[in-house]
Amino acid sequence: MENEGIDYNIVFPHEETTETHWQGTKEPVVILLGWAGCKDKHLTKYSSIYTDQGCVTIRYTAPLKTVFISESFGYKELRCTALKLLEILYDYEVEQSPIFFHIFSNGGFMLYRYIVELLHKDKQFSSLCVIGAIVDSAPGSGNVLGAVRALAATLGPKISPLLKYVLLTLFAVTVFLLRVVLYPLTKYVHKNHYDAVQEEPPAWPHFFLYSSADQVIRPRDVRVFADTLKFKGVRVDSHDFVSSGHVSHLREYPEQYPRKCRNFLITCMKDTKGAHAKTRHRVQDQ
């Protein structure tokens, strides 16, 4: 489907499935933000974890040029995309439902960064109830080698070796200059996704799924980020799959991965219901 220039997919569950799992409460809306170069057929495997639980799912992957070029040069093109994604909730009249994010790699996290900023600062979205987020293989910061590996994997084997070499070299030089050498100066104009969310983190719980074997995102980047959020009062859980590659945890752990996702979503839903119940009791007691 298309909403003013962005291609996305939305799936509504069968009513019987929703009733079985959520028993009369509003079913969660799960927004999945794919990694750079992610095909929708790959993202569908993850969304099925949630549709099988009676959730509404929205799938979206930002274009390669936006992730690898616009963000590298400091253009906030993804902010407009984030705005359109949140407006989809109103288009389908699910803005009163609990909202849950599942984010993949830096490509998804760059977009998530702008969604978080809009939820923080835009009154239009003040009524949205975000209950939690799963972050798979992200975020990473200042890792030029990892960024080059990600682009190389995205370009694939069909591209000319010479053209691939030229593109990777230009990209590596650009990232190194703008995001490493000049970043101490340019960050006042355009912070990267890692620093921006770390400095003004969202309040809802986060679950970081990563691996010590990841060759694209450094595991210590994920751990430092998670510890920073925890220090600032955000409820954080994490799991190191140890041996799986970048965004490959589901393939390597086909039973454990979905179970962890479902359990975290259910916990977030229970916590939200409990918080609403406490609020109602306080109002009644006044």
Protein backbone atom coordinates (compact mmCIF):
# COMPACT_ATOMS: atom_id res chain seq x y z
CA MET A 1 0.00 0.00 0.00
CA GLU A 2 1.08 3.60 -0.45
CA ASN A 3 0.56 6.68 1.68
CA GLU A 4 1.79 9.86 0.00
CA GLY A 5 4.88 8.23 -1.43
CA ILE A 6 5.77 5.59 1.19
CA ASP A 7 5.17 1.92 0.50
CA TYR A 8 4.02 -0.09 3.49
CA ASN A 9 1.98 -3.18 4.30
CA ILE A 10 -0.69 -3.40 6.96
CA VAL A 11 -2.34 -6.64 8.08
CA PHE A 12 -5.38 -6.98 10.32
CA PRO A 13 -5.85 -10.25 12.22
CA HIS A 14 -8.95 -12.41 12.21
CA GLU A 15 -11.41 -11.33 14.89
CA GLU A 16 -11.36 -14.80 16.45
CA THR A 17 -7.56 -14.66 16.84
CA THR A 18 -7.72 -11.23 18.45
CA GLU A 19 -10.40 -12.30 20.91
CA THR A 20 -8.49 -15.47 21.83
CA HIS A 21 -5.30 -13.62 22.72
CA TRP A 22 -6.48 -10.22 24.00
CA GLN A 23 -9.91 -11.08 25.42
CA GLY A 24 -11.82 -7.94 24.70
CA THR A 25 -8.99 -5.43 25.09
CA LYS A 26 -7.70 -3.45 22.13
CA GLU A 27 -5.21 -5.52 20.17
CA PRO A 28 -1.68 -4.09 19.86
CA VAL A 29 -0.50 -2.46 16.66
CA VAL A 30 3.04 -3.65 15.91
CA ILE A 31 5.13 -1.43 13.63
CA LEU A 32 8.08 -3.27 12.09
CA LEU A 33 10.92 -1.14 10.69
CA GLY A 34 13.16 -3.18 8.40
CA TRP A 35 16.92 -3.10 7.97
CA ALA A 36 18.52 -1.42 4.94
CA GLY A 37 17.85 -3.54 1.86
CA CYS A 38 15.29 -5.69 3.66
CA LYS A 39 12.71 -7.25 1.34
CA ASP A 40 9.12 -7.38 2.49
CA LYS A 41 9.05 -11.18 2.25
CA HIS A 42 11.75 -11.24 4.93
CA LEU A 43 9.91 -8.78 7.16
CA THR A 44 6.73 -10.84 6.76
CA LYS A 45 8.39 -13.73 8.64
CA TYR A 46 8.78 -11.43 11.64
CA SER A 47 5.33 -9.87 11.39
CA SER A 48 3.75 -13.35 11.46
CA ILE A 49 5.02 -13.65 15.06
CA TYR A 50 2.51 -10.94 15.91
CA THR A 51 -0.35 -11.59 13.48
CA ASP A 52 -0.55 -15.11 14.92
CA GLN A 53 -1.12 -13.43 18.29
CA GLY A 54 -4.00 -11.31 17.00
CA CYS A 55 -2.06 -8.08 16.46
CA VAL A 56 -2.37 -5.51 13.70
CA THR A 57 1.00 -5.24 11.94
CA ILE A 58 2.49 -2.46 9.83
CA ARG A 59 5.65 -3.25 7.84
CA TYR A 60 7.94 -0.61 6.37
CA THR A 61 11.57 -0.44 5.20
CA ALA A 62 13.24 2.88 4.38
CA PRO A 63 14.84 3.21 0.91
CA LEU A 64 18.57 2.50 0.62
CA LYS A 65 19.44 5.99 -0.57
CA THR A 66 17.76 7.51 2.46
CA VAL A 67 19.62 5.29 4.92
CA PHE A 68 23.06 5.29 3.32
CA ILE A 69 23.14 8.74 1.68
CA SER A 70 20.63 11.17 3.21
CA GLU A 71 21.48 10.30 6.81
CA SER A 72 25.23 10.25 6.11
CA PHE A 73 25.05 13.81 4.79
CA GLY A 74 22.77 15.02 7.56
CA TYR A 75 19.53 15.35 5.57
CA LYS A 76 16.51 14.64 7.78
CA GLU A 77 14.51 12.98 5.03
CA LEU A 78 13.45 10.20 7.38
CA ARG A 79 11.66 12.67 9.64
CA CYS A 80 9.02 13.15 6.94
CA THR A 81 8.73 9.37 6.59
CA ALA A 82 8.28 9.00 10.35
CA LEU A 83 5.46 11.53 10.26
CA LYS A 84 3.66 9.64 7.48
CA LEU A 85 4.02 6.33 9.32
CA LEU A 86 2.41 7.72 12.45
CA GLU A 87 -0.39 9.25 10.37
CA ILE A 88 -1.22 5.76 9.07
CA LEU A 89 -2.48 4.93 12.57
CA TYR A 90 -5.11 7.65 12.21
CA ASP A 91 -5.93 6.67 8.61
CA TYR A 92 -6.94 3.19 9.81
CA GLU A 93 -8.44 4.43 13.10
CA VAL A 94 -6.13 2.38 15.32
CA GLU A 95 -4.58 5.35 17.11
CA GLN A 96 -6.29 4.34 20.37
CA SER A 97 -4.66 0.90 20.35
CA PRO A 98 -1.44 0.04 22.21
CA ILE A 99 1.55 0.68 19.89
CA PHE A 100 4.59 -1.59 19.83
CA PHE A 101 7.76 -1.32 17.72
CA HIS A 102 10.08 -3.99 16.33
CA ILE A 103 13.19 -2.36 14.87
CA PHE A 104 15.98 -3.91 12.80
CA SER A 105 19.58 -2.73 12.47
CA ASN A 106 20.63 0.89 12.04
CA GLY A 107 18.41 1.21 8.96
CA GLY A 108 15.32 0.75 11.11
CA PHE A 109 16.74 2.57 14.11
CA MET A 110 17.48 5.74 12.09
CA LEU A 111 13.76 5.95 11.30
CA TYR A 112 12.80 5.04 14.86
CA ARG A 113 14.88 8.00 16.06
CA TYR A 114 12.58 10.45 14.25
CA ILE A 115 9.46 8.62 15.42
CA VAL A 116 10.68 9.02 19.01
CA GLU A 117 11.31 12.73 18.44
CA LEU A 118 7.80 13.23 17.05
CA LEU A 119 6.25 11.36 19.97
CA HIS A 120 8.25 13.56 22.34
CA LYS A 121 7.53 16.94 20.75
CA ASP A 122 4.53 16.86 18.40
CA LYS A 123 1.18 17.44 20.15
CA GLN A 124 -0.58 15.70 17.26
CA PHE A 125 0.67 12.36 18.60
CA SER A 126 0.39 13.03 22.33
CA SER A 127 -2.54 10.62 22.72
CA LEU A 128 -0.68 7.62 21.25
CA CYS A 129 0.09 4.90 23.79
CA VAL A 130 3.43 3.23 23.04
CA ILE A 131 3.93 0.20 25.27
CA GLY A 132 7.37 -1.07 24.22
CA ALA A 133 10.00 -1.72 21.57
CA ILE A 134 12.18 -4.63 20.49
CA VAL A 135 15.49 -3.62 18.91
CA ASP A 136 17.17 -6.31 16.81
CA SER A 137 20.88 -5.89 15.94
CA ALA A 138 21.04 -2.17 16.76
CA PRO A 139 21.97 0.53 17.43
CA GLY A 140 25.59 1.03 16.41
CA SER A 141 27.70 4.17 16.31
CA GLY A 142 30.79 5.33 14.40
CA ASN A 143 31.56 1.87 13.01
CA VAL A 144 32.81 2.57 9.48
CA LEU A 145 33.77 -1.04 8.80
CA GLY A 146 30.37 -2.27 9.93
CA ALA A 147 28.62 0.30 7.75
CA VAL A 148 30.66 -0.78 4.71
CA ARG A 149 29.85 -4.43 5.40
CA ALA A 150 26.17 -3.57 5.63
CA LEU A 151 26.25 -1.72 2.29
CA ALA A 152 28.24 -4.54 0.64
CA ALA A 153 25.66 -7.09 1.77
CA THR A 154 22.85 -4.85 0.56
CA LEU A 155 24.37 -4.34 -2.91
CA GLY A 156 24.57 -8.11 -3.36
CA PRO A 157 26.56 -10.21 -5.85
CA LYS A 158 24.85 -9.06 -9.06
CA ILE A 159 26.52 -5.64 -9.19
CA SER A 160 29.76 -5.19 -11.15
CA PRO A 161 32.80 -5.81 -8.89
CA LEU A 162 34.44 -2.58 -10.07
CA LEU A 163 31.33 -0.49 -9.48
CA LYS A 164 30.85 -2.15 -6.09
CA TYR A 165 34.44 -1.32 -5.11
CA VAL A 166 34.02 2.33 -6.17
CA LEU A 167 30.73 2.73 -4.30
CA LEU A 168 32.06 1.13 -1.14
CA THR A 169 35.21 3.27 -1.21
CA LEU A 170 33.26 6.50 -1.66
CA PHE A 171 30.83 5.52 1.07
CA ALA A 172 33.62 4.59 3.50
CA VAL A 173 35.44 7.90 2.94
CA THR A 174 32.22 9.88 3.33
CA VAL A 175 31.17 8.12 6.53
CA PHE A 176 34.66 8.42 8.00
CA LEU A 177 34.86 12.16 7.31
CA LEU A 178 31.31 13.15 8.26
CA ARG A 179 30.56 10.70 11.06
CA VAL A 180 34.00 10.30 12.66
CA VAL A 181 36.42 13.13 11.83
CA LEU A 182 33.95 16.02 11.59
CA TYR A 183 31.23 14.65 13.87
CA PRO A 184 32.39 16.54 17.00
CA LEU A 185 31.61 19.74 15.06
CA THR A 186 28.61 18.68 12.96
CA LYS A 187 26.73 16.93 15.78
CA TYR A 188 25.41 20.30 16.96
CA VAL A 189 23.64 20.59 13.59
CA HIS A 190 22.71 16.94 13.11
CA LYS A 191 23.20 14.33 15.81
CA ASN A 192 23.38 10.74 14.69
CA HIS A 193 20.63 8.30 15.66
CA TYR A 194 22.72 6.73 18.42
CA ASP A 195 23.39 9.97 20.30
CA ALA A 196 19.97 11.52 19.66
CA VAL A 197 17.94 8.69 21.22
CA GLN A 198 20.50 8.15 23.97
CA GLU A 199 20.27 11.79 25.06
CA GLU A 200 16.45 11.95 24.97
CA PRO A 201 15.28 8.35 25.37
CA PRO A 202 11.65 7.26 25.20
CA ALA A 203 10.05 6.15 28.45
CA TRP A 204 8.59 2.83 27.28
CA PRO A 205 10.41 -0.51 27.87
CA HIS A 206 13.03 -1.76 25.41
CA PHE A 207 14.27 -5.26 24.65
CA PHE A 208 17.63 -5.46 22.84
CA LEU A 209 18.32 -8.63 20.86
CA TYR A 210 21.91 -8.80 19.64
CA SER A 211 24.83 -11.16 19.15
CA SER A 212 28.50 -11.18 20.06
CA ALA A 213 29.13 -12.60 16.58
CA ASP A 214 27.60 -9.60 14.76
CA GLN A 215 30.07 -8.26 12.15
CA VAL A 216 28.03 -5.14 11.33
CA ILE A 217 26.91 -3.73 14.69
CA ARG A 218 29.45 -3.90 17.50
CA PRO A 219 27.94 -5.72 20.50
CA ARG A 220 29.52 -3.24 22.91
CA ASP A 221 27.65 -0.40 21.16
CA VAL A 222 24.37 -2.14 21.96
CA ARG A 223 25.39 -2.84 25.55
CA VAL A 224 26.54 0.74 26.19
CA PHE A 225 23.33 2.10 24.69
CA ALA A 226 21.17 -0.25 26.78
CA ASP A 227 23.06 0.63 29.96
CA THR A 228 22.62 4.36 29.26
CA LEU A 229 18.86 3.97 28.86
CA LYS A 230 18.70 1.90 32.03
CA PHE A 231 20.65 4.57 33.92
CA LYS A 232 18.10 7.16 32.75
CA GLY A 233 15.20 5.15 34.15
CA VAL A 234 14.04 3.22 31.09
CA ARG A 235 13.15 -0.41 31.71
CA VAL A 236 15.62 -2.41 29.62
CA ASP A 237 16.03 -6.11 28.91
CA SER A 238 18.58 -7.65 26.57
CA HIS A 239 19.67 -11.01 25.21
CA ASP A 240 22.93 -12.00 23.52
CA PHE A 241 22.36 -14.84 21.05
CA VAL A 242 26.17 -15.26 21.00
CA SER A 243 26.61 -17.07 17.68
CA SER A 244 24.08 -15.66 15.19
CA GLY A 245 25.02 -13.09 12.57
CA HIS A 246 23.57 -9.64 11.89
CA VAL A 247 19.72 -9.73 11.83
CA SER A 248 19.97 -13.53 11.65
CA HIS A 249 18.71 -14.45 15.12
CA LEU A 250 15.32 -15.69 13.91
CA ARG A 251 16.93 -17.94 11.32
CA GLU A 252 19.40 -19.38 13.83
CA TYR A 253 16.92 -19.63 16.72
CA PRO A 254 13.50 -20.21 15.09
CA GLU A 255 11.78 -21.20 18.34
CA GLN A 256 13.58 -19.10 20.94
CA TYR A 257 13.39 -15.81 19.04
CA PRO A 258 9.59 -15.71 18.53
CA ARG A 259 9.03 -16.85 22.11
CA LYS A 260 11.12 -13.98 23.47
CA CYS A 261 9.27 -11.47 21.26
CA ARG A 262 5.84 -12.74 22.29
CA ASN A 263 6.71 -12.85 25.99
CA PHE A 264 8.02 -9.28 25.94
CA LEU A 265 4.92 -8.00 24.12
CA ILE A 266 2.62 -9.77 26.60
CA THR A 267 4.58 -8.33 29.53
CA CYS A 268 4.30 -4.82 28.09
CA MET A 269 0.56 -5.25 27.60
CA LYS A 270 0.10 -6.46 31.18
CA ASP A 271 2.16 -3.58 32.55
CA THR A 272 0.10 -1.09 30.57
CA LYS A 273 -3.20 -2.55 31.79
CA GLY A 274 -1.90 -2.47 35.34
CA ALA A 275 -0.85 1.16 35.04
CA HIS A 276 -4.26 2.13 33.65
CA ALA A 277 -5.99 0.30 36.49
CA LYS A 278 -3.90 2.16 39.08
CA THR A 279 -4.75 5.46 37.39
CA ARG A 280 -8.47 4.68 37.52
CA HIS A 281 -8.24 3.80 41.22
CA ARG A 282 -6.45 7.07 42.01
CA VAL A 283 -9.13 9.06 40.17
CA GLN A 284 -11.94 7.25 41.99
CA ASP A 285 -10.28 7.83 45.37
CA GLN A 286 -9.98 11.59 44.88
